[in-house]
Amino acid sequence: MSPTPKSLILDLLSTLSRGAVPVRGLVAAGRLFAIPDNRLRVALARLLAAGAVERDERSHYRLAPGVNAVSEQVRSWRRAAERRRAWSGAWIAVHGRTRNGARGSDARALRFLGFRSFESGFALRGLALRPDNLEGGVEEARRRLELLGLAAPAHVFQICEIDAANERRARGLWDARVLRASYRASIAALEASAARLPRLAREAAMAESFRLGGATIGQIVLDPLLPEPLLDASELDALIAAMRRYDRLGRRAWAGWISAAAPDELPVGVLGQSLAVEAARAAGGA
């Protein structure tokens, strides 16, 4: 997956400490992904007209004030595992979607917080569940769902007890084997790329770290953060640790671009976080 002109601009501006970059720097980055100069300039003009970016007196561009909830969620990937807490066995439930399922923003909000659809007959149409093992419990889940676009009327509440059969069904909404396999595959890909990056040409290393970093960050921010005994927490922790190490290599690969395009800037993670945002925005049903 490669960035669009819009997502590349937003990514580069959001991953620098002060986010001020001249057009030439953005154009040079676009060429790494075969984005024509004119397409990138058009995208930049549209973002400026829409108020998403600002231009200063030096004709340097930066993000406009305010960060939307989706971007904020993606940027918090390093701390994702810190949101978990011990699980009492209770569930957080969301009810109130239409019979035909959640609309796009509803589905994205639910997916971001690890909810899965739990339907058993007419009475439970539109019910989604997740374990109540995240910091802040129901109140924090309700707040984050609203910020991420869950539409009213949707009811967010806790379920403390369900019968044995539905308990088994609820616990089976996530495939732990698939999750574990995905963690291990991503760790292997990061380690292989980390060994390869020093031997690649600078431009190739920049592009590879951007794409792989973005894909892995997307995987982390969409992880359901399941509690034990549903999933061994150490495996996701290992993936986040591997991504942190890779992030340092990615910033090193982009250091030359930063020096040339924005010498006064400090990188805070120049990787393909925009790809993670795009993946999250495209995420399907709960």
Protein backbone atom coordinates (compact mmCIF):
# COMPACT_ATOMS: atom_id res chain seq x y z
CA MET A 1 0.00 0.00 0.00
CA SER A 2 1.34 3.42 -0.96
CA PRO A 3 0.24 6.79 0.39
CA THR A 4 -2.02 9.16 -1.50
CA PRO A 5 -0.76 12.72 -2.02
CA LYS A 6 -3.09 13.92 0.73
CA SER A 7 -2.14 11.24 3.26
CA LEU A 8 1.58 11.69 2.60
CA ILE A 9 1.38 15.44 3.24
CA LEU A 10 -0.60 14.99 6.44
CA ASP A 11 1.76 12.26 7.61
CA LEU A 12 4.93 14.26 7.11
CA LEU A 13 3.48 17.38 8.70
CA SER A 14 2.15 15.45 11.69
CA THR A 15 5.33 13.50 12.43
CA LEU A 16 7.69 16.45 12.80
CA SER A 17 8.02 18.25 16.10
CA ARG A 18 6.81 21.59 14.73
CA GLY A 19 5.51 20.41 11.37
CA ALA A 20 6.82 23.19 9.12
CA VAL A 21 7.94 21.98 5.67
CA PRO A 22 8.44 23.84 2.37
CA VAL A 23 6.77 22.63 -0.79
CA ARG A 24 10.06 21.37 -2.22
CA GLY A 25 10.45 18.98 0.71
CA LEU A 26 6.95 17.58 0.27
CA VAL A 27 7.48 17.22 -3.47
CA ALA A 28 10.77 15.37 -2.90
CA ALA A 29 9.04 12.93 -0.55
CA GLY A 30 6.25 12.41 -3.06
CA ARG A 31 8.72 11.28 -5.68
CA LEU A 32 9.71 8.35 -3.46
CA PHE A 33 6.22 6.96 -4.05
CA ALA A 34 5.94 7.96 -7.72
CA ILE A 35 3.52 10.80 -6.90
CA PRO A 36 3.75 13.41 -9.69
CA ASP A 37 4.80 16.84 -8.50
CA ASN A 38 1.63 18.46 -9.81
CA ARG A 39 -0.65 15.98 -8.03
CA LEU A 40 1.07 16.65 -4.75
CA ARG A 41 0.85 20.43 -5.24
CA VAL A 42 -2.86 20.14 -6.06
CA ALA A 43 -3.46 18.06 -2.93
CA LEU A 44 -1.57 20.63 -0.85
CA ALA A 45 -3.66 23.48 -2.29
CA ARG A 46 -6.86 21.59 -1.48
CA LEU A 47 -5.74 20.91 2.08
CA LEU A 48 -4.90 24.61 2.47
CA ALA A 49 -8.30 25.65 1.09
CA ALA A 50 -10.03 23.19 3.41
CA GLY A 51 -8.23 24.59 6.43
CA ALA A 52 -6.41 21.34 7.18
CA VAL A 53 -2.97 22.95 6.77
CA GLU A 54 -1.59 26.45 7.19
CA ARG A 55 1.13 28.39 5.37
CA ASP A 56 3.50 30.76 7.16
CA GLU A 57 5.38 33.80 5.91
CA ARG A 58 8.23 31.60 4.63
CA SER A 59 5.77 29.53 2.56
CA HIS A 60 6.32 26.60 4.90
CA TYR A 61 3.32 24.41 5.59
CA ARG A 62 2.15 22.98 8.90
CA LEU A 63 -0.96 21.23 10.17
CA ALA A 64 -3.81 23.49 11.24
CA PRO A 65 -4.53 23.49 14.99
CA GLY A 66 -6.52 20.55 16.30
CA VAL A 67 -6.08 16.85 15.74
CA ASN A 68 -9.00 14.67 14.82
CA ALA A 69 -9.78 11.64 16.94
CA VAL A 70 -8.74 9.09 14.32
CA SER A 71 -5.28 10.62 13.92
CA GLU A 72 -4.92 10.92 17.68
CA GLN A 73 -5.80 7.25 18.08
CA VAL A 74 -3.16 6.28 15.53
CA ARG A 75 -0.48 8.47 17.09
CA SER A 76 -0.98 6.75 20.44
CA TRP A 77 0.18 3.36 19.12
CA ARG A 78 3.28 3.29 21.36
CA ARG A 79 1.04 3.38 24.45
CA ALA A 80 -1.70 1.07 23.18
CA ALA A 81 -0.93 -1.80 25.56
CA GLU A 82 -0.94 0.58 28.54
CA ARG A 83 -4.70 0.96 28.15
CA ARG A 84 -5.31 -2.62 29.33
CA ARG A 85 -6.31 -3.46 32.90
CA ALA A 86 -7.18 -6.67 34.74
CA TRP A 87 -10.40 -8.26 33.51
CA SER A 88 -13.19 -9.05 35.96
CA GLY A 89 -15.13 -11.07 33.37
CA ALA A 90 -17.61 -8.26 32.62
CA TRP A 91 -18.32 -7.00 29.10
CA ILE A 92 -18.90 -3.58 27.56
CA ALA A 93 -21.87 -3.60 25.21
CA VAL A 94 -23.02 -1.16 22.51
CA HIS A 95 -26.60 -1.35 21.30
CA GLY A 96 -28.64 0.85 19.03
CA ARG A 97 -27.32 0.41 15.51
CA THR A 98 -29.73 -0.21 12.67
CA ARG A 99 -30.89 -3.72 11.79
CA ASN A 100 -28.75 -3.57 8.67
CA GLY A 101 -25.59 -2.94 10.69
CA ALA A 102 -23.46 0.06 11.51
CA ARG A 103 -22.83 2.89 9.11
CA GLY A 104 -19.24 3.66 8.15
CA SER A 105 -18.26 5.90 11.06
CA ASP A 106 -20.04 3.62 13.54
CA ALA A 107 -18.20 0.57 12.23
CA ARG A 108 -14.87 2.39 12.39
CA ALA A 109 -15.44 3.58 15.96
CA LEU A 110 -16.41 0.09 17.12
CA ARG A 111 -13.48 -1.51 15.31
CA PHE A 112 -11.02 0.96 16.86
CA LEU A 113 -12.04 -0.14 20.35
CA GLY A 114 -12.09 -3.84 19.55
CA PHE A 115 -15.85 -4.43 19.54
CA ARG A 116 -17.31 -7.34 17.59
CA SER A 117 -20.89 -7.98 16.55
CA PHE A 118 -22.83 -10.28 18.87
CA GLU A 119 -26.25 -11.10 17.46
CA SER A 120 -28.53 -13.90 18.62
CA GLY A 121 -32.07 -13.52 17.40
CA PHE A 122 -34.19 -10.42 16.83
CA ALA A 123 -33.87 -9.12 20.40
CA LEU A 124 -30.11 -8.74 20.08
CA ARG A 125 -29.93 -7.12 16.68
CA GLY A 126 -27.31 -4.41 16.66
CA LEU A 127 -25.43 -5.55 19.76
CA ALA A 128 -21.62 -5.39 19.88
CA LEU A 129 -19.37 -6.56 22.73
CA ARG A 130 -15.85 -6.36 23.99
CA PRO A 131 -14.26 -7.37 27.33
CA ASP A 132 -14.39 -4.60 29.93
CA ASN A 133 -10.63 -4.54 30.42
CA LEU A 134 -9.65 -1.06 29.20
CA GLU A 135 -8.71 1.87 31.41
CA GLY A 136 -11.71 4.03 32.25
CA GLY A 137 -14.25 1.27 31.73
CA VAL A 138 -17.66 2.10 30.28
CA GLU A 139 -17.37 5.87 30.69
CA GLU A 140 -14.09 6.08 28.78
CA ALA A 141 -15.37 3.69 26.11
CA ARG A 142 -18.46 5.86 25.64
CA ARG A 143 -16.35 9.01 25.35
CA ARG A 144 -13.92 7.53 22.85
CA LEU A 145 -16.67 5.98 20.73
CA GLU A 146 -18.39 9.36 20.45
CA LEU A 147 -15.12 11.08 19.52
CA LEU A 148 -14.47 8.44 16.88
CA GLY A 149 -17.86 8.99 15.27
CA LEU A 150 -20.36 6.59 16.87
CA ALA A 151 -23.76 8.11 16.16
CA ALA A 152 -26.58 8.54 18.64
CA PRO A 153 -28.79 6.89 19.67
CA ALA A 154 -26.32 4.21 20.72
CA HIS A 155 -26.37 2.86 24.25
CA VAL A 156 -23.05 1.90 25.88
CA PHE A 157 -23.31 -0.15 29.06
CA GLN A 158 -21.75 -2.98 31.07
CA ILE A 159 -22.94 -6.59 31.15
CA CYS A 160 -21.83 -8.37 34.31
CA GLU A 161 -23.34 -11.80 33.82
CA ILE A 162 -24.43 -13.81 30.80
CA ASP A 163 -25.36 -17.47 30.57
CA ALA A 164 -22.71 -20.07 29.87
CA ALA A 165 -23.64 -20.62 26.22
CA ASN A 166 -23.52 -16.92 25.34
CA GLU A 167 -20.34 -16.51 27.37
CA ARG A 168 -18.69 -19.10 25.13
CA ARG A 169 -20.02 -17.34 22.04
CA ALA A 170 -18.75 -13.97 23.26
CA ARG A 171 -15.28 -15.31 23.99
CA GLY A 172 -15.18 -16.80 20.50
CA LEU A 173 -15.76 -13.50 18.69
CA TRP A 174 -11.97 -13.08 18.36
CA ASP A 175 -9.71 -15.73 16.87
CA ALA A 176 -6.69 -15.81 19.19
CA ARG A 177 -4.75 -18.09 16.84
CA VAL A 178 -5.09 -15.63 13.98
CA LEU A 179 -4.05 -12.73 16.20
CA ARG A 180 -0.98 -14.57 17.50
CA ALA A 181 0.03 -15.55 13.97
CA SER A 182 -0.35 -11.95 12.80
CA TYR A 183 1.86 -10.66 15.64
CA ARG A 184 4.59 -13.16 14.84
CA ALA A 185 4.42 -12.50 11.10
CA SER A 186 4.71 -8.75 11.63
CA ILE A 187 7.62 -9.12 14.04
CA ALA A 188 9.41 -11.30 11.48
CA ALA A 189 8.75 -8.74 8.73
CA LEU A 190 10.05 -5.89 10.90
CA GLU A 191 13.19 -7.81 11.81
CA ALA A 192 13.87 -8.79 8.20
CA SER A 193 13.40 -5.20 7.04
CA ALA A 194 15.57 -3.87 9.88
CA ALA A 195 18.41 -6.11 8.70
CA ARG A 196 17.85 -5.01 5.10
CA LEU A 197 17.50 -1.23 5.53
CA PRO A 198 21.22 -0.46 6.05
CA ARG A 199 22.05 -2.13 2.72
CA LEU A 200 19.36 -0.30 0.72
CA ALA A 201 19.76 2.95 -1.16
CA ARG A 202 18.50 5.87 0.91
CA GLU A 203 15.34 6.38 -1.12
CA ALA A 204 14.48 2.68 -1.03
CA ALA A 205 15.00 2.56 2.73
CA MET A 206 12.74 5.57 3.20
CA ALA A 207 9.95 4.06 1.13
CA GLU A 208 10.19 0.61 2.72
CA SER A 209 10.22 1.91 6.30
CA PHE A 210 7.26 4.16 5.53
CA ARG A 211 5.13 1.38 4.08
CA LEU A 212 5.98 -1.36 6.58
CA GLY A 213 5.86 1.00 9.53
CA GLY A 214 2.45 2.26 8.50
CA ALA A 215 1.05 -1.23 8.04
CA THR A 216 2.31 -2.34 11.43
CA ILE A 217 1.05 0.76 13.23
CA GLY A 218 -2.36 0.15 11.67
CA GLN A 219 -2.30 -3.41 13.01
CA ILE A 220 -1.46 -2.17 16.51
CA VAL A 221 -4.09 0.57 16.70
CA LEU A 222 -6.82 -1.79 15.47
CA ASP A 223 -5.85 -4.55 17.89
CA PRO A 224 -8.71 -5.49 20.27
CA LEU A 225 -6.38 -5.45 23.31
CA LEU A 226 -7.86 -8.66 24.62
CA PRO A 227 -7.31 -9.68 28.23
CA GLU A 228 -5.95 -12.90 29.57
CA PRO A 229 -7.19 -15.63 29.48
CA LEU A 230 -8.50 -14.81 25.98
CA LEU A 231 -5.00 -13.98 24.71
CA ASP A 232 -1.48 -13.88 26.10
CA ALA A 233 -0.75 -10.16 26.42
CA SER A 234 3.00 -10.63 26.01
CA GLU A 235 2.68 -11.33 22.28
CA LEU A 236 1.19 -7.93 21.45
CA ASP A 237 3.72 -6.34 23.79
CA ALA A 238 6.49 -8.00 21.78
CA LEU A 239 5.07 -6.56 18.54
CA ILE A 240 4.90 -3.04 19.99
CA ALA A 241 8.49 -3.35 21.24
CA ALA A 242 9.62 -4.48 17.80
CA MET A 243 7.78 -1.58 16.18
CA ARG A 244 9.43 0.89 18.57
CA ARG A 245 12.85 -0.41 17.52
CA TYR A 246 11.87 -0.21 13.86
CA ASP A 247 10.54 3.30 14.33
CA ARG A 248 14.02 4.45 15.35
CA LEU A 249 15.45 2.94 12.17
CA GLY A 250 12.74 4.57 10.10
CA ARG A 251 13.49 7.99 11.54
CA ARG A 252 17.18 7.40 10.82
CA ALA A 253 16.34 6.55 7.20
CA TRP A 254 14.39 9.82 6.90
CA ALA A 255 17.04 11.96 8.65
CA GLY A 256 18.55 13.18 5.38
CA TRP A 257 15.18 14.32 4.09
CA ILE A 258 14.52 16.20 7.32
CA SER A 259 17.92 17.91 7.18
CA ALA A 260 17.29 19.07 3.63
CA ALA A 261 13.59 19.92 3.82
CA ALA A 262 13.19 21.13 7.40
CA PRO A 263 16.58 21.55 9.12
CA ASP A 264 15.04 23.13 12.23
CA GLU A 265 12.75 20.19 12.85
CA LEU A 266 13.05 17.14 15.05
CA PRO A 267 11.33 13.90 13.97
CA VAL A 268 8.83 12.34 16.32
CA GLY A 269 8.21 9.30 14.15
CA VAL A 270 8.57 9.77 10.41
CA LEU A 271 6.87 6.61 9.28
CA GLY A 272 3.75 5.73 7.38
CA GLN A 273 1.28 6.65 10.09
CA SER A 274 -0.99 8.07 7.40
CA LEU A 275 -1.31 4.56 5.98
CA ALA A 276 -2.55 3.42 9.37
CA VAL A 277 -5.10 6.23 9.39
CA GLU A 278 -6.31 5.26 5.92
CA ALA A 279 -6.58 1.61 6.94
CA ALA A 280 -8.54 2.54 10.04
CA ARG A 281 -10.88 4.79 8.08
CA ALA A 282 -11.53 1.94 5.67
CA ALA A 283 -12.11 -0.62 8.44
CA GLY A 284 -15.31 -2.57 7.99
CA GLY A 285 -18.03 -3.73 10.36
CA ALA A 286 -17.77 -4.41 14.02
